[in-house]
Amino acid sequence: MSTPALNFTLRPAAPKERWLIVRRILREGLDPTRLDWRRFVMAEAEDGSILGFAQMKDLGQGVQEFGSLVVEPSVRGQGVGGALLHFLVDGANKPVYLLCGERNIDYYLRFGFREMDEAEMPVPLRRKWRAGNFFARRFGVRVAAMIHEAA
């Protein structure tokens, strides 16, 4: 028996969702810095529940980073993350970067991202990547830097 299609809409975050975003990002162990609810896009179910969200950050020097992708565990694998990613990344007129734990590399490869080495990272991303790996290594993990070329 197949699972019925999940119906949801994408919309900008509302001010009242600020703390929901922060709580879920902390729950998932993601980077809690530079969170501004105004940059977030929400995936909202027909019943009004929030199924997931993501943001696009400006790291400076023209570098944009896709990040803070959170999808509720009960709906993972049903297209919510992909819809958020496509919404924010497709049609970008310059490269989009992201940092992720190595366990998520394969997920982003499916959407046209590729892993980068340190030498090709723009300076703002390299700084963030180095800091992320400094802390991640203490837990035996690696942070990967990835790029999605502009359309």
N, C-alpha and C. Protein backbone atom coordinates (compact mmCIF):
# COMPACT_ATOMS: atom_id res chain seq x y z
N MET A 1 0.85 -1.17 0.00
CA MET A 1 0.00 0.00 0.00
C MET A 1 0.90 1.24 0.00
N SER A 2 0.64 2.19 -0.90
CA SER A 2 1.46 3.38 -0.99
C SER A 2 0.94 4.47 -0.05
N THR A 3 1.85 5.35 0.31
CA THR A 3 1.51 6.48 1.17
C THR A 3 0.87 7.58 0.33
N PRO A 4 -0.22 8.17 0.78
CA PRO A 4 -0.81 9.27 0.01
C PRO A 4 0.15 10.44 -0.08
N ALA A 5 0.04 11.21 -1.17
CA ALA A 5 0.91 12.37 -1.37
C ALA A 5 0.70 13.37 -0.25
N LEU A 6 1.79 13.96 0.17
CA LEU A 6 1.76 14.96 1.22
C LEU A 6 1.46 16.32 0.60
N ASN A 7 0.43 16.98 1.06
CA ASN A 7 0.07 18.31 0.55
C ASN A 7 0.56 19.38 1.50
N PHE A 8 1.30 20.32 0.93
CA PHE A 8 1.80 21.44 1.73
C PHE A 8 2.06 22.61 0.80
N THR A 9 2.17 23.77 1.39
CA THR A 9 2.50 24.98 0.63
C THR A 9 3.76 25.60 1.22
N LEU A 10 4.47 26.36 0.39
CA LEU A 10 5.64 27.08 0.85
C LEU A 10 5.28 28.55 0.97
N ARG A 11 5.74 29.15 2.05
CA ARG A 11 5.42 30.56 2.29
C ARG A 11 6.51 31.17 3.16
N PRO A 12 6.61 32.51 3.15
CA PRO A 12 7.58 33.16 4.03
C PRO A 12 7.22 32.94 5.50
N ALA A 13 8.23 32.91 6.34
CA ALA A 13 8.00 32.79 7.78
C ALA A 13 7.31 34.03 8.31
N ALA A 14 6.58 33.85 9.39
CA ALA A 14 5.89 34.94 10.07
C ALA A 14 6.63 35.25 11.38
N PRO A 15 6.51 36.47 11.87
CA PRO A 15 7.21 36.84 13.12
C PRO A 15 6.93 35.89 14.27
N LYS A 16 5.70 35.40 14.38
CA LYS A 16 5.34 34.51 15.49
C LYS A 16 6.08 33.16 15.43
N GLU A 17 6.72 32.84 14.29
CA GLU A 17 7.41 31.55 14.14
C GLU A 17 8.89 31.62 14.50
N ARG A 18 9.32 32.76 14.94
CA ARG A 18 10.73 32.96 15.28
C ARG A 18 11.25 31.90 16.25
N TRP A 19 10.54 31.69 17.33
CA TRP A 19 11.02 30.75 18.36
C TRP A 19 10.82 29.31 17.95
N LEU A 20 9.83 29.02 17.15
CA LEU A 20 9.66 27.67 16.61
C LEU A 20 10.90 27.31 15.77
N ILE A 21 11.36 28.25 14.94
CA ILE A 21 12.56 28.04 14.12
C ILE A 21 13.76 27.77 15.02
N VAL A 22 13.97 28.60 16.02
CA VAL A 22 15.12 28.45 16.91
C VAL A 22 15.06 27.09 17.63
N ARG A 23 13.91 26.74 18.18
CA ARG A 23 13.78 25.46 18.91
C ARG A 23 14.10 24.27 18.03
N ARG A 24 13.56 24.26 16.82
CA ARG A 24 13.79 23.10 15.94
C ARG A 24 15.24 23.04 15.44
N ILE A 25 15.85 24.17 15.21
CA ILE A 25 17.26 24.17 14.80
C ILE A 25 18.13 23.63 15.93
N LEU A 26 17.86 24.05 17.15
CA LEU A 26 18.61 23.52 18.29
C LEU A 26 18.35 22.03 18.47
N ARG A 27 17.10 21.60 18.29
CA ARG A 27 16.76 20.18 18.40
C ARG A 27 17.56 19.33 17.41
N GLU A 28 17.79 19.86 16.22
CA GLU A 28 18.49 19.12 15.17
C GLU A 28 20.01 19.28 15.24
N GLY A 29 20.50 20.11 16.17
CA GLY A 29 21.94 20.30 16.31
C GLY A 29 22.55 21.10 15.18
N LEU A 30 21.77 21.99 14.56
CA LEU A 30 22.28 22.82 13.47
C LEU A 30 22.83 24.13 14.01
N ASP A 31 23.49 24.85 13.13
CA ASP A 31 24.11 26.12 13.48
C ASP A 31 23.05 27.13 13.92
N PRO A 32 23.05 27.54 15.18
CA PRO A 32 22.02 28.47 15.67
C PRO A 32 22.40 29.95 15.51
N THR A 33 23.50 30.24 14.82
CA THR A 33 23.93 31.63 14.68
C THR A 33 23.28 32.27 13.46
N ARG A 34 23.15 33.56 13.50
CA ARG A 34 22.63 34.37 12.39
C ARG A 34 21.26 33.91 11.91
N LEU A 35 20.40 33.61 12.85
CA LEU A 35 19.03 33.22 12.49
C LEU A 35 18.16 34.47 12.45
N ASP A 36 17.55 34.70 11.31
CA ASP A 36 16.64 35.83 11.13
C ASP A 36 15.39 35.26 10.48
N TRP A 37 14.30 35.24 11.20
CA TRP A 37 13.07 34.61 10.71
C TRP A 37 12.65 35.15 9.35
N ARG A 38 13.05 36.37 9.01
CA ARG A 38 12.65 36.99 7.74
C ARG A 38 13.28 36.33 6.53
N ARG A 39 14.32 35.53 6.73
CA ARG A 39 14.97 34.84 5.62
C ARG A 39 14.43 33.43 5.40
N PHE A 40 13.54 32.99 6.25
CA PHE A 40 13.07 31.60 6.21
C PHE A 40 11.84 31.41 5.32
N VAL A 41 11.80 30.25 4.71
CA VAL A 41 10.62 29.79 3.97
C VAL A 41 10.10 28.58 4.72
N MET A 42 8.79 28.56 4.95
CA MET A 42 8.15 27.50 5.73
C MET A 42 7.36 26.57 4.82
N ALA A 43 7.37 25.29 5.13
CA ALA A 43 6.51 24.32 4.47
C ALA A 43 5.36 24.05 5.45
N GLU A 44 4.16 24.45 5.04
CA GLU A 44 3.00 24.37 5.92
C GLU A 44 2.00 23.36 5.38
N ALA A 45 1.56 22.44 6.24
CA ALA A 45 0.57 21.44 5.87
C ALA A 45 -0.82 22.08 5.81
N GLU A 46 -1.74 21.36 5.21
CA GLU A 46 -3.11 21.86 5.10
C GLU A 46 -3.73 22.18 6.45
N ASP A 47 -3.32 21.45 7.50
CA ASP A 47 -3.87 21.69 8.83
C ASP A 47 -3.17 22.82 9.58
N GLY A 48 -2.21 23.49 8.92
CA GLY A 48 -1.51 24.61 9.54
C GLY A 48 -0.23 24.24 10.27
N SER A 49 0.07 22.95 10.38
CA SER A 49 1.30 22.55 11.06
C SER A 49 2.50 22.81 10.16
N ILE A 50 3.63 23.09 10.78
CA ILE A 50 4.86 23.36 10.04
C ILE A 50 5.62 22.05 9.87
N LEU A 51 5.80 21.68 8.61
CA LEU A 51 6.47 20.42 8.28
C LEU A 51 7.98 20.59 8.15
N GLY A 52 8.41 21.83 7.85
CA GLY A 52 9.84 22.08 7.69
C GLY A 52 10.08 23.51 7.30
N PHE A 53 11.36 23.86 7.20
CA PHE A 53 11.75 25.20 6.80
C PHE A 53 13.21 25.21 6.39
N ALA A 54 13.62 26.29 5.74
CA ALA A 54 15.02 26.51 5.35
C ALA A 54 15.21 28.00 5.12
N GLN A 55 16.47 28.41 5.00
CA GLN A 55 16.77 29.82 4.77
C GLN A 55 17.91 29.96 3.78
N MET A 56 18.05 31.18 3.26
CA MET A 56 19.19 31.56 2.45
C MET A 56 19.86 32.71 3.18
N LYS A 57 21.15 32.55 3.52
CA LYS A 57 21.89 33.56 4.26
C LYS A 57 22.89 34.26 3.35
N ASP A 58 23.13 35.52 3.62
CA ASP A 58 24.17 36.28 2.95
C ASP A 58 25.38 36.27 3.88
N LEU A 59 26.47 35.63 3.44
CA LEU A 59 27.68 35.56 4.28
C LEU A 59 28.61 36.74 4.05
N GLY A 60 28.23 37.65 3.16
CA GLY A 60 29.08 38.77 2.83
C GLY A 60 29.87 38.49 1.57
N GLN A 61 30.39 39.53 0.95
CA GLN A 61 31.18 39.44 -0.27
C GLN A 61 30.44 38.71 -1.40
N GLY A 62 29.11 38.82 -1.39
CA GLY A 62 28.31 38.20 -2.45
C GLY A 62 28.12 36.71 -2.32
N VAL A 63 28.44 36.16 -1.17
CA VAL A 63 28.34 34.71 -0.96
C VAL A 63 27.00 34.40 -0.29
N GLN A 64 26.21 33.56 -0.96
CA GLN A 64 24.93 33.15 -0.37
C GLN A 64 25.00 31.67 0.02
N GLU A 65 24.45 31.40 1.21
CA GLU A 65 24.50 30.05 1.77
C GLU A 65 23.08 29.55 2.03
N PHE A 66 22.78 28.38 1.46
CA PHE A 66 21.54 27.69 1.80
C PHE A 66 21.77 27.00 3.13
N GLY A 67 20.80 27.09 4.04
CA GLY A 67 21.03 26.45 5.32
C GLY A 67 19.79 26.30 6.17
N SER A 68 20.04 25.74 7.34
CA SER A 68 19.01 25.56 8.35
C SER A 68 17.83 24.73 7.83
N LEU A 69 18.12 23.75 6.98
CA LEU A 69 17.05 22.89 6.47
C LEU A 69 16.63 21.93 7.57
N VAL A 70 15.38 22.07 7.98
CA VAL A 70 14.81 21.20 9.01
C VAL A 70 13.49 20.66 8.47
N VAL A 71 13.36 19.34 8.50
CA VAL A 71 12.10 18.68 8.13
C VAL A 71 11.70 17.81 9.31
N GLU A 72 10.44 17.90 9.67
CA GLU A 72 9.95 17.10 10.80
C GLU A 72 10.18 15.61 10.53
N PRO A 73 10.66 14.88 11.54
CA PRO A 73 10.97 13.47 11.35
C PRO A 73 9.83 12.65 10.76
N SER A 74 8.60 12.95 11.12
CA SER A 74 7.45 12.15 10.65
C SER A 74 7.17 12.30 9.16
N VAL A 75 7.73 13.33 8.51
CA VAL A 75 7.46 13.53 7.08
C VAL A 75 8.74 13.50 6.23
N ARG A 76 9.84 13.08 6.80
CA ARG A 76 11.07 13.00 6.02
C ARG A 76 10.90 11.97 4.91
N GLY A 77 11.53 12.25 3.79
CA GLY A 77 11.45 11.36 2.65
C GLY A 77 10.20 11.55 1.80
N GLN A 78 9.43 12.60 2.08
CA GLN A 78 8.18 12.84 1.35
C GLN A 78 8.21 14.13 0.53
N GLY A 79 9.40 14.66 0.26
CA GLY A 79 9.54 15.79 -0.65
C GLY A 79 9.56 17.17 -0.04
N VAL A 80 9.44 17.27 1.26
CA VAL A 80 9.42 18.59 1.90
C VAL A 80 10.78 19.28 1.76
N GLY A 81 11.84 18.59 2.12
CA GLY A 81 13.18 19.16 2.02
C GLY A 81 13.54 19.52 0.60
N GLY A 82 13.21 18.65 -0.34
CA GLY A 82 13.50 18.92 -1.74
C GLY A 82 12.75 20.13 -2.25
N ALA A 83 11.50 20.28 -1.84
CA ALA A 83 10.70 21.43 -2.28
C ALA A 83 11.30 22.74 -1.74
N LEU A 84 11.72 22.74 -0.48
CA LEU A 84 12.34 23.92 0.11
C LEU A 84 13.66 24.25 -0.60
N LEU A 85 14.45 23.22 -0.85
CA LEU A 85 15.73 23.41 -1.50
C LEU A 85 15.53 23.98 -2.91
N HIS A 86 14.66 23.38 -3.69
CA HIS A 86 14.40 23.88 -5.05
C HIS A 86 13.89 25.32 -5.01
N PHE A 87 13.00 25.61 -4.10
CA PHE A 87 12.42 26.95 -4.01
C PHE A 87 13.50 28.01 -3.80
N LEU A 88 14.44 27.72 -2.92
CA LEU A 88 15.46 28.71 -2.57
C LEU A 88 16.67 28.72 -3.50
N VAL A 89 16.96 27.60 -4.14
CA VAL A 89 18.20 27.47 -4.91
C VAL A 89 17.99 27.60 -6.41
N ASP A 90 16.93 27.01 -6.93
CA ASP A 90 16.71 27.03 -8.38
C ASP A 90 16.58 28.46 -8.89
N GLY A 91 17.19 28.72 -9.97
CA GLY A 91 17.10 30.05 -10.57
C GLY A 91 18.03 31.07 -9.96
N ALA A 92 18.88 30.66 -9.03
CA ALA A 92 19.83 31.61 -8.44
C ALA A 92 20.75 32.13 -9.55
N ASN A 93 21.09 33.40 -9.50
CA ASN A 93 21.94 33.98 -10.53
C ASN A 93 23.41 33.99 -10.14
N LYS A 94 23.74 33.36 -9.03
CA LYS A 94 25.13 33.17 -8.61
C LYS A 94 25.20 31.87 -7.83
N PRO A 95 26.40 31.34 -7.61
CA PRO A 95 26.50 30.07 -6.89
C PRO A 95 25.86 30.13 -5.51
N VAL A 96 25.34 29.00 -5.08
CA VAL A 96 24.78 28.84 -3.74
C VAL A 96 25.67 27.82 -3.03
N TYR A 97 26.07 28.15 -1.83
CA TYR A 97 26.94 27.28 -1.04
C TYR A 97 26.16 26.71 0.13
N LEU A 98 26.69 25.63 0.70
CA LEU A 98 26.13 25.12 1.94
C LEU A 98 27.21 24.36 2.68
N LEU A 99 27.03 24.28 3.98
CA LEU A 99 27.85 23.45 4.85
C LEU A 99 26.96 22.40 5.45
N CYS A 100 27.46 21.16 5.48
CA CYS A 100 26.64 20.08 6.05
C CYS A 100 27.56 19.04 6.67
N GLY A 101 26.98 18.25 7.56
CA GLY A 101 27.70 17.11 8.10
C GLY A 101 27.90 16.07 7.00
N GLU A 102 28.97 15.30 7.09
CA GLU A 102 29.28 14.36 6.02
C GLU A 102 28.17 13.35 5.77
N ARG A 103 27.34 13.09 6.74
CA ARG A 103 26.24 12.14 6.55
C ARG A 103 25.18 12.67 5.58
N ASN A 104 25.19 13.98 5.32
CA ASN A 104 24.20 14.59 4.44
C ASN A 104 24.70 14.88 3.03
N ILE A 105 25.95 14.57 2.75
CA ILE A 105 26.52 14.88 1.43
C ILE A 105 25.70 14.24 0.31
N ASP A 106 25.39 12.95 0.42
CA ASP A 106 24.65 12.26 -0.64
C ASP A 106 23.30 12.91 -0.92
N TYR A 107 22.65 13.40 0.12
CA TYR A 107 21.36 14.06 -0.06
C TYR A 107 21.51 15.26 -0.99
N TYR A 108 22.48 16.11 -0.72
CA TYR A 108 22.65 17.33 -1.52
C TYR A 108 23.20 17.04 -2.91
N LEU A 109 23.96 15.99 -3.07
CA LEU A 109 24.43 15.61 -4.41
C LEU A 109 23.24 15.36 -5.34
N ARG A 110 22.17 14.81 -4.81
CA ARG A 110 20.97 14.51 -5.61
C ARG A 110 20.35 15.78 -6.19
N PHE A 111 20.62 16.93 -5.61
CA PHE A 111 20.02 18.19 -6.04
C PHE A 111 21.01 19.08 -6.80
N GLY A 112 22.10 18.50 -7.25
CA GLY A 112 23.03 19.25 -8.09
C GLY A 112 24.17 19.95 -7.37
N PHE A 113 24.29 19.74 -6.08
CA PHE A 113 25.43 20.29 -5.36
C PHE A 113 26.63 19.37 -5.57
N ARG A 114 27.81 19.90 -5.44
CA ARG A 114 29.02 19.09 -5.44
C ARG A 114 29.90 19.53 -4.28
N GLU A 115 30.69 18.60 -3.77
CA GLU A 115 31.58 18.93 -2.66
C GLU A 115 32.76 19.75 -3.18
N MET A 116 33.23 20.66 -2.36
CA MET A 116 34.35 21.53 -2.71
C MET A 116 35.54 21.25 -1.80
N ASP A 117 36.73 21.57 -2.30
CA ASP A 117 37.88 21.53 -1.41
C ASP A 117 38.16 22.94 -0.91
N GLU A 118 38.96 23.04 0.11
CA GLU A 118 39.17 24.32 0.78
C GLU A 118 39.68 25.41 -0.16
N ALA A 119 40.52 25.05 -1.10
CA ALA A 119 41.13 26.05 -1.99
C ALA A 119 40.11 26.78 -2.85
N GLU A 120 38.98 26.16 -3.17
CA GLU A 120 38.00 26.81 -4.04
C GLU A 120 36.88 27.52 -3.28
N MET A 121 36.93 27.50 -1.97
CA MET A 121 35.89 28.16 -1.17
C MET A 121 36.11 29.67 -1.15
N PRO A 122 35.03 30.46 -1.30
CA PRO A 122 35.18 31.90 -1.08
C PRO A 122 35.50 32.15 0.39
N VAL A 123 36.17 33.25 0.66
CA VAL A 123 36.69 33.55 2.01
C VAL A 123 35.62 33.45 3.10
N PRO A 124 34.44 34.06 2.96
CA PRO A 124 33.47 33.98 4.06
C PRO A 124 33.04 32.53 4.37
N LEU A 125 32.91 31.72 3.33
CA LEU A 125 32.52 30.32 3.54
C LEU A 125 33.68 29.56 4.18
N ARG A 126 34.89 29.82 3.72
CA ARG A 126 36.06 29.12 4.27
C ARG A 126 36.19 29.38 5.77
N ARG A 127 35.97 30.62 6.17
CA ARG A 127 36.05 30.94 7.62
C ARG A 127 35.03 30.12 8.41
N LYS A 128 33.81 30.11 7.91
CA LYS A 128 32.75 29.38 8.61
C LYS A 128 33.03 27.88 8.61
N TRP A 129 33.52 27.36 7.49
CA TRP A 129 33.84 25.94 7.35
C TRP A 129 34.94 25.54 8.34
N ARG A 130 35.99 26.36 8.43
CA ARG A 130 37.08 26.06 9.37
C ARG A 130 36.58 26.03 10.80
N ALA A 131 35.77 27.02 11.17
CA ALA A 131 35.23 27.05 12.53
C ALA A 131 34.35 25.83 12.78
N GLY A 132 33.50 25.50 11.81
CA GLY A 132 32.62 24.33 11.96
C GLY A 132 33.40 23.05 12.14
N ASN A 133 34.45 22.87 11.37
CA ASN A 133 35.26 21.66 11.49
C ASN A 133 36.06 21.63 12.78
N PHE A 134 36.47 22.78 13.27
CA PHE A 134 37.19 22.83 14.55
C PHE A 134 36.34 22.19 15.64
N PHE A 135 35.06 22.55 15.69
CA PHE A 135 34.18 22.01 16.72
C PHE A 135 33.69 20.61 16.37
N ALA A 136 33.42 20.34 15.11
CA ALA A 136 32.89 19.04 14.70
C ALA A 136 33.89 17.92 14.95
N ARG A 137 35.17 18.18 14.74
CA ARG A 137 36.19 17.14 14.94
C ARG A 137 36.19 16.63 16.37
N ARG A 138 35.81 17.47 17.30
CA ARG A 138 35.75 17.04 18.69
C ARG A 138 34.71 15.94 18.89
N PHE A 139 33.75 15.84 17.96
CA PHE A 139 32.72 14.81 18.03
C PHE A 139 32.93 13.73 16.97
N GLY A 140 34.09 13.75 16.33
CA GLY A 140 34.42 12.73 15.34
C GLY A 140 33.67 12.84 14.02
N VAL A 141 33.24 14.04 13.67
CA VAL A 141 32.55 14.23 12.40
C VAL A 141 33.27 15.28 11.58
N ARG A 142 32.88 15.37 10.31
CA ARG A 142 33.48 16.32 9.39
C ARG A 142 32.38 17.16 8.76
N VAL A 143 32.66 18.45 8.61
CA VAL A 143 31.74 19.35 7.92
C VAL A 143 32.21 19.47 6.48
N ALA A 144 31.30 19.28 5.55
CA ALA A 144 31.60 19.39 4.12
C ALA A 144 31.11 20.72 3.60
N ALA A 145 31.83 21.29 2.66
CA ALA A 145 31.40 22.49 1.94
C ALA A 145 30.97 22.07 0.55
N MET A 146 29.82 22.58 0.13
CA MET A 146 29.27 22.19 -1.17
C MET A 146 28.84 23.44 -1.94
N ILE A 147 28.77 23.29 -3.27
CA ILE A 147 28.37 24.39 -4.14
C ILE A 147 27.35 23.91 -5.16
N HIS A 148 26.41 24.79 -5.46
CA HIS A 148 25.44 24.59 -6.54
C HIS A 148 25.67 25.75 -7.49
N GLU A 149 26.12 25.45 -8.70
CA GLU A 149 26.44 26.49 -9.67
C GLU A 149 25.17 27.23 -10.09
N ALA A 150 25.31 28.49 -10.41
CA ALA A 150 24.19 29.31 -10.85
C ALA A 150 23.59 28.74 -12.15
N ALA A 151 22.29 28.90 -12.29
CA ALA A 151 21.60 28.38 -13.48
C ALA A 151 21.98 29.18 -14.71
